[in-house]
Amino acid sequence: MTSIYLPAGVTALLCAGIMFVCICRLDKIDKAVRIRVGIQYVILLMAAAGLAAAPLLWQFHGWAVVWFAGAVLFMLIADSFQWAHGAPTSTISKEPPA
């Protein structure tokens, strides 16, 4: 029985990290940032929350999902230096904010 709960627990912890990073980045977004950047982080936040909550609906996933969630969290952490002092310049829109 624990063989299905262990990947679910690890995935939930990784998804909590993904949600934390998404919330922090959404907090740093201002009106100059492209709207699609904010939408991308909201969608990633919802996907991580849904994946973490899947075992509550008896939808257990295996180790492949754990590795994928770990890779997503690693990618978010790896480029955190760009977000250290606000949104990176690559996310800023060329046209003035409305």
N, C-alpha and C. Protein backbone atom coordinates (compact mmCIF):
# COMPACT_ATOMS: atom_id res chain seq x y z
N MET A 1 0.80 -1.20 0.00
CA MET A 1 0.00 0.00 0.00
C MET A 1 0.84 1.27 0.00
N THR A 2 1.96 1.24 0.72
CA THR A 2 2.78 2.44 0.78
C THR A 2 3.43 2.75 -0.56
N SER A 3 3.47 1.79 -1.47
CA SER A 3 4.10 2.04 -2.76
C SER A 3 3.30 3.04 -3.60
N ILE A 4 2.03 3.22 -3.34
CA ILE A 4 1.27 4.24 -4.06
C ILE A 4 1.24 5.56 -3.31
N TYR A 5 1.43 5.52 -1.99
CA TYR A 5 1.38 6.75 -1.21
C TYR A 5 2.69 7.53 -1.22
N LEU A 6 3.80 6.83 -1.33
CA LEU A 6 5.09 7.51 -1.31
C LEU A 6 5.27 8.46 -2.51
N PRO A 7 5.04 8.02 -3.76
CA PRO A 7 5.15 8.97 -4.87
C PRO A 7 4.15 10.12 -4.76
N ALA A 8 2.96 9.83 -4.24
CA ALA A 8 1.96 10.89 -4.08
C ALA A 8 2.42 11.93 -3.07
N GLY A 9 3.03 11.48 -1.98
CA GLY A 9 3.52 12.42 -0.97
C GLY A 9 4.68 13.25 -1.47
N VAL A 10 5.60 12.61 -2.18
CA VAL A 10 6.75 13.35 -2.73
C VAL A 10 6.27 14.36 -3.77
N THR A 11 5.32 13.95 -4.60
CA THR A 11 4.77 14.86 -5.60
C THR A 11 4.08 16.04 -4.94
N ALA A 12 3.36 15.80 -3.87
CA ALA A 12 2.67 16.89 -3.16
C ALA A 12 3.69 17.89 -2.61
N LEU A 13 4.80 17.40 -2.08
CA LEU A 13 5.83 18.32 -1.58
C LEU A 13 6.46 19.12 -2.70
N LEU A 14 6.76 18.47 -3.82
CA LEU A 14 7.33 19.19 -4.96
C LEU A 14 6.33 20.22 -5.51
N CYS A 15 5.07 19.84 -5.57
CA CYS A 15 4.04 20.77 -6.06
C CYS A 15 3.87 21.95 -5.11
N ALA A 16 4.04 21.73 -3.82
CA ALA A 16 3.99 22.84 -2.86
C ALA A 16 5.12 23.83 -3.15
N GLY A 17 6.29 23.31 -3.49
CA GLY A 17 7.40 24.19 -3.87
C GLY A 17 7.11 24.95 -5.14
N ILE A 18 6.52 24.28 -6.13
CA ILE A 18 6.15 24.95 -7.38
C ILE A 18 5.14 26.05 -7.12
N MET A 19 4.14 25.76 -6.29
CA MET A 19 3.13 26.77 -5.97
C MET A 19 3.74 27.95 -5.25
N PHE A 20 4.68 27.70 -4.34
CA PHE A 20 5.35 28.78 -3.62
C PHE A 20 6.10 29.69 -4.58
N VAL A 21 6.84 29.10 -5.51
CA VAL A 21 7.60 29.90 -6.48
C VAL A 21 6.65 30.70 -7.36
N CYS A 22 5.57 30.08 -7.81
CA CYS A 22 4.61 30.78 -8.67
C CYS A 22 3.98 31.96 -7.94
N ILE A 23 3.61 31.78 -6.70
CA ILE A 23 3.01 32.88 -5.93
C ILE A 23 4.02 34.01 -5.74
N CYS A 24 5.27 33.67 -5.46
CA CYS A 24 6.30 34.70 -5.29
C CYS A 24 6.52 35.47 -6.58
N ARG A 25 6.54 34.77 -7.70
CA ARG A 25 6.75 35.45 -8.98
C ARG A 25 5.54 36.29 -9.38
N LEU A 26 4.36 35.80 -9.10
CA LEU A 26 3.16 36.60 -9.38
C LEU A 26 3.15 37.87 -8.55
N ASP A 27 3.73 37.81 -7.36
CA ASP A 27 3.81 38.99 -6.50
C ASP A 27 4.75 40.04 -7.09
N LYS A 28 5.77 39.62 -7.83
CA LYS A 28 6.74 40.55 -8.40
C LYS A 28 6.32 41.13 -9.74
N ILE A 29 5.21 40.65 -10.29
CA ILE A 29 4.75 41.13 -11.59
C ILE A 29 4.01 42.45 -11.40
N ASP A 30 4.37 43.44 -12.22
CA ASP A 30 3.67 44.72 -12.20
C ASP A 30 3.00 44.96 -13.56
N LYS A 31 2.50 46.15 -13.79
CA LYS A 31 1.76 46.44 -15.01
C LYS A 31 2.63 46.45 -16.26
N ALA A 32 3.94 46.60 -16.11
CA ALA A 32 4.82 46.63 -17.28
C ALA A 32 5.10 45.23 -17.84
N VAL A 33 4.84 44.22 -17.07
CA VAL A 33 5.11 42.84 -17.50
C VAL A 33 4.01 42.37 -18.44
N ARG A 34 4.41 41.63 -19.47
CA ARG A 34 3.44 41.09 -20.41
C ARG A 34 2.39 40.26 -19.68
N ILE A 35 1.15 40.38 -20.13
CA ILE A 35 0.04 39.68 -19.48
C ILE A 35 0.21 38.16 -19.61
N ARG A 36 0.80 37.69 -20.70
CA ARG A 36 0.96 36.25 -20.88
C ARG A 36 1.89 35.63 -19.85
N VAL A 37 2.84 36.41 -19.32
CA VAL A 37 3.75 35.91 -18.30
C VAL A 37 2.96 35.61 -17.02
N GLY A 38 2.09 36.52 -16.64
CA GLY A 38 1.24 36.29 -15.47
C GLY A 38 0.30 35.12 -15.66
N ILE A 39 -0.26 35.01 -16.87
CA ILE A 39 -1.17 33.90 -17.16
C ILE A 39 -0.43 32.57 -17.09
N GLN A 40 0.81 32.54 -17.57
CA GLN A 40 1.59 31.30 -17.51
C GLN A 40 1.82 30.85 -16.08
N TYR A 41 2.12 31.78 -15.19
CA TYR A 41 2.35 31.40 -13.79
C TYR A 41 1.06 31.02 -13.09
N VAL A 42 -0.06 31.63 -13.45
CA VAL A 42 -1.35 31.24 -12.87
C VAL A 42 -1.71 29.83 -13.32
N ILE A 43 -1.50 29.51 -14.60
CA ILE A 43 -1.81 28.17 -15.10
C ILE A 43 -0.90 27.13 -14.44
N LEU A 44 0.38 27.45 -14.30
CA LEU A 44 1.29 26.52 -13.63
C LEU A 44 0.90 26.33 -12.16
N LEU A 45 0.47 27.39 -11.51
CA LEU A 45 0.00 27.29 -10.12
C LEU A 45 -1.22 26.38 -10.02
N MET A 46 -2.18 26.54 -10.94
CA MET A 46 -3.38 25.70 -10.92
C MET A 46 -3.04 24.25 -11.23
N ALA A 47 -2.12 24.02 -12.17
CA ALA A 47 -1.73 22.65 -12.51
C ALA A 47 -1.03 21.97 -11.34
N ALA A 48 -0.16 22.70 -10.66
CA ALA A 48 0.54 22.12 -9.51
C ALA A 48 -0.44 21.82 -8.38
N ALA A 49 -1.40 22.69 -8.16
CA ALA A 49 -2.40 22.46 -7.11
C ALA A 49 -3.25 21.24 -7.46
N GLY A 50 -3.64 21.11 -8.71
CA GLY A 50 -4.43 19.96 -9.13
C GLY A 50 -3.66 18.65 -9.03
N LEU A 51 -2.38 18.69 -9.40
CA LEU A 51 -1.56 17.49 -9.31
C LEU A 51 -1.34 17.07 -7.86
N ALA A 52 -1.15 18.05 -6.99
CA ALA A 52 -0.96 17.74 -5.57
C ALA A 52 -2.24 17.19 -4.95
N ALA A 53 -3.39 17.65 -5.42
CA ALA A 53 -4.68 17.22 -4.86
C ALA A 53 -5.22 15.95 -5.51
N ALA A 54 -4.59 15.45 -6.54
CA ALA A 54 -5.09 14.27 -7.26
C ALA A 54 -5.31 13.05 -6.35
N PRO A 55 -4.42 12.76 -5.40
CA PRO A 55 -4.68 11.59 -4.54
C PRO A 55 -5.95 11.71 -3.70
N LEU A 56 -6.43 12.91 -3.47
CA LEU A 56 -7.68 13.07 -2.73
C LEU A 56 -8.87 12.53 -3.53
N LEU A 57 -8.69 12.45 -4.86
CA LEU A 57 -9.71 11.88 -5.74
C LEU A 57 -9.36 10.46 -6.17
N TRP A 58 -8.44 9.82 -5.43
CA TRP A 58 -7.98 8.47 -5.69
C TRP A 58 -7.33 8.33 -7.06
N GLN A 59 -6.67 9.37 -7.51
CA GLN A 59 -5.91 9.34 -8.76
C GLN A 59 -4.43 9.34 -8.39
N PHE A 60 -3.87 8.18 -8.19
CA PHE A 60 -2.47 8.07 -7.77
C PHE A 60 -1.58 7.98 -8.99
N HIS A 61 -0.46 8.69 -8.95
CA HIS A 61 0.48 8.68 -10.05
C HIS A 61 1.78 7.99 -9.61
N GLY A 62 2.59 7.67 -10.58
CA GLY A 62 3.82 6.94 -10.29
C GLY A 62 5.03 7.85 -10.21
N TRP A 63 6.18 7.23 -10.30
CA TRP A 63 7.43 7.95 -10.14
C TRP A 63 7.74 8.86 -11.32
N ALA A 64 7.18 8.60 -12.49
CA ALA A 64 7.41 9.48 -13.65
C ALA A 64 6.88 10.88 -13.37
N VAL A 65 5.75 10.97 -12.72
CA VAL A 65 5.17 12.27 -12.37
C VAL A 65 6.03 12.98 -11.33
N VAL A 66 6.60 12.22 -10.42
CA VAL A 66 7.49 12.80 -9.41
C VAL A 66 8.70 13.43 -10.10
N TRP A 67 9.29 12.71 -11.04
CA TRP A 67 10.45 13.25 -11.75
C TRP A 67 10.08 14.48 -12.56
N PHE A 68 8.91 14.49 -13.17
CA PHE A 68 8.49 15.65 -13.95
C PHE A 68 8.27 16.86 -13.04
N ALA A 69 7.60 16.66 -11.92
CA ALA A 69 7.38 17.77 -10.98
C ALA A 69 8.72 18.28 -10.44
N GLY A 70 9.65 17.37 -10.19
CA GLY A 70 10.98 17.77 -9.74
C GLY A 70 11.72 18.58 -10.79
N ALA A 71 11.56 18.19 -12.06
CA ALA A 71 12.21 18.93 -13.14
C ALA A 71 11.62 20.34 -13.28
N VAL A 72 10.32 20.45 -13.14
CA VAL A 72 9.68 21.78 -13.22
C VAL A 72 10.16 22.65 -12.07
N LEU A 73 10.20 22.11 -10.86
CA LEU A 73 10.68 22.88 -9.71
C LEU A 73 12.14 23.27 -9.89
N PHE A 74 12.96 22.36 -10.40
CA PHE A 74 14.37 22.67 -10.65
C PHE A 74 14.50 23.82 -11.64
N MET A 75 13.71 23.79 -12.72
CA MET A 75 13.78 24.87 -13.72
C MET A 75 13.35 26.20 -13.12
N LEU A 76 12.34 26.20 -12.28
CA LEU A 76 11.90 27.44 -11.65
C LEU A 76 12.97 27.99 -10.70
N ILE A 77 13.61 27.11 -9.96
CA ILE A 77 14.65 27.54 -9.03
C ILE A 77 15.91 27.96 -9.78
N ALA A 78 16.22 27.28 -10.88
CA ALA A 78 17.44 27.57 -11.63
C ALA A 78 17.45 28.98 -12.20
N ASP A 79 16.29 29.51 -12.57
CA ASP A 79 16.29 30.87 -13.11
C ASP A 79 15.78 31.90 -12.09
N SER A 80 15.85 31.54 -10.82
CA SER A 80 15.39 32.47 -9.79
C SER A 80 16.28 33.70 -9.67
N PHE A 81 17.54 33.60 -10.10
CA PHE A 81 18.42 34.77 -10.04
C PHE A 81 17.90 35.89 -10.92
N GLN A 82 17.17 35.56 -12.00
CA GLN A 82 16.61 36.59 -12.88
C GLN A 82 15.48 37.35 -12.19
N TRP A 83 14.80 36.70 -11.27
CA TRP A 83 13.65 37.29 -10.60
C TRP A 83 14.02 37.89 -9.23
N ALA A 84 15.28 37.93 -8.90
CA ALA A 84 15.70 38.37 -7.56
C ALA A 84 15.31 39.81 -7.27
N HIS A 85 15.35 40.66 -8.28
CA HIS A 85 15.04 42.08 -8.06
C HIS A 85 13.87 42.53 -8.91
N GLY A 86 12.88 41.67 -9.03
CA GLY A 86 11.71 42.00 -9.83
C GLY A 86 11.69 41.18 -11.11
N ALA A 87 10.75 41.52 -11.98
CA ALA A 87 10.60 40.78 -13.23
C ALA A 87 11.78 41.04 -14.15
N PRO A 88 12.27 40.03 -14.86
CA PRO A 88 13.38 40.23 -15.79
C PRO A 88 12.97 41.13 -16.95
N THR A 89 13.95 41.73 -17.59
CA THR A 89 13.66 42.65 -18.69
C THR A 89 13.04 41.91 -19.88
N SER A 90 13.29 40.63 -20.02
CA SER A 90 12.71 39.89 -21.14
C SER A 90 11.21 39.74 -21.02
N THR A 91 10.65 39.98 -19.85
CA THR A 91 9.21 39.85 -19.66
C THR A 91 8.47 41.19 -19.79
N ILE A 92 9.24 42.27 -19.90
CA ILE A 92 8.62 43.61 -19.97
C ILE A 92 8.04 43.85 -21.35
N SER A 93 6.86 44.39 -21.39
CA SER A 93 6.17 44.68 -22.65
C SER A 93 6.76 45.93 -23.27
N LYS A 94 6.78 45.97 -24.62
CA LYS A 94 7.32 47.14 -25.33
C LYS A 94 6.35 48.33 -25.29
N GLU A 95 5.07 48.04 -25.39
CA GLU A 95 4.10 49.13 -25.38
C GLU A 95 3.81 49.57 -23.94
N PRO A 96 3.43 50.83 -23.75
CA PRO A 96 3.16 51.31 -22.39
C PRO A 96 1.94 50.60 -21.79
N PRO A 97 1.93 50.43 -20.48
CA PRO A 97 0.78 49.78 -19.84
C PRO A 97 -0.48 50.62 -19.98
N ALA A 98 -1.61 49.94 -20.05
CA ALA A 98 -2.89 50.64 -20.21
C ALA A 98 -3.37 51.22 -18.91
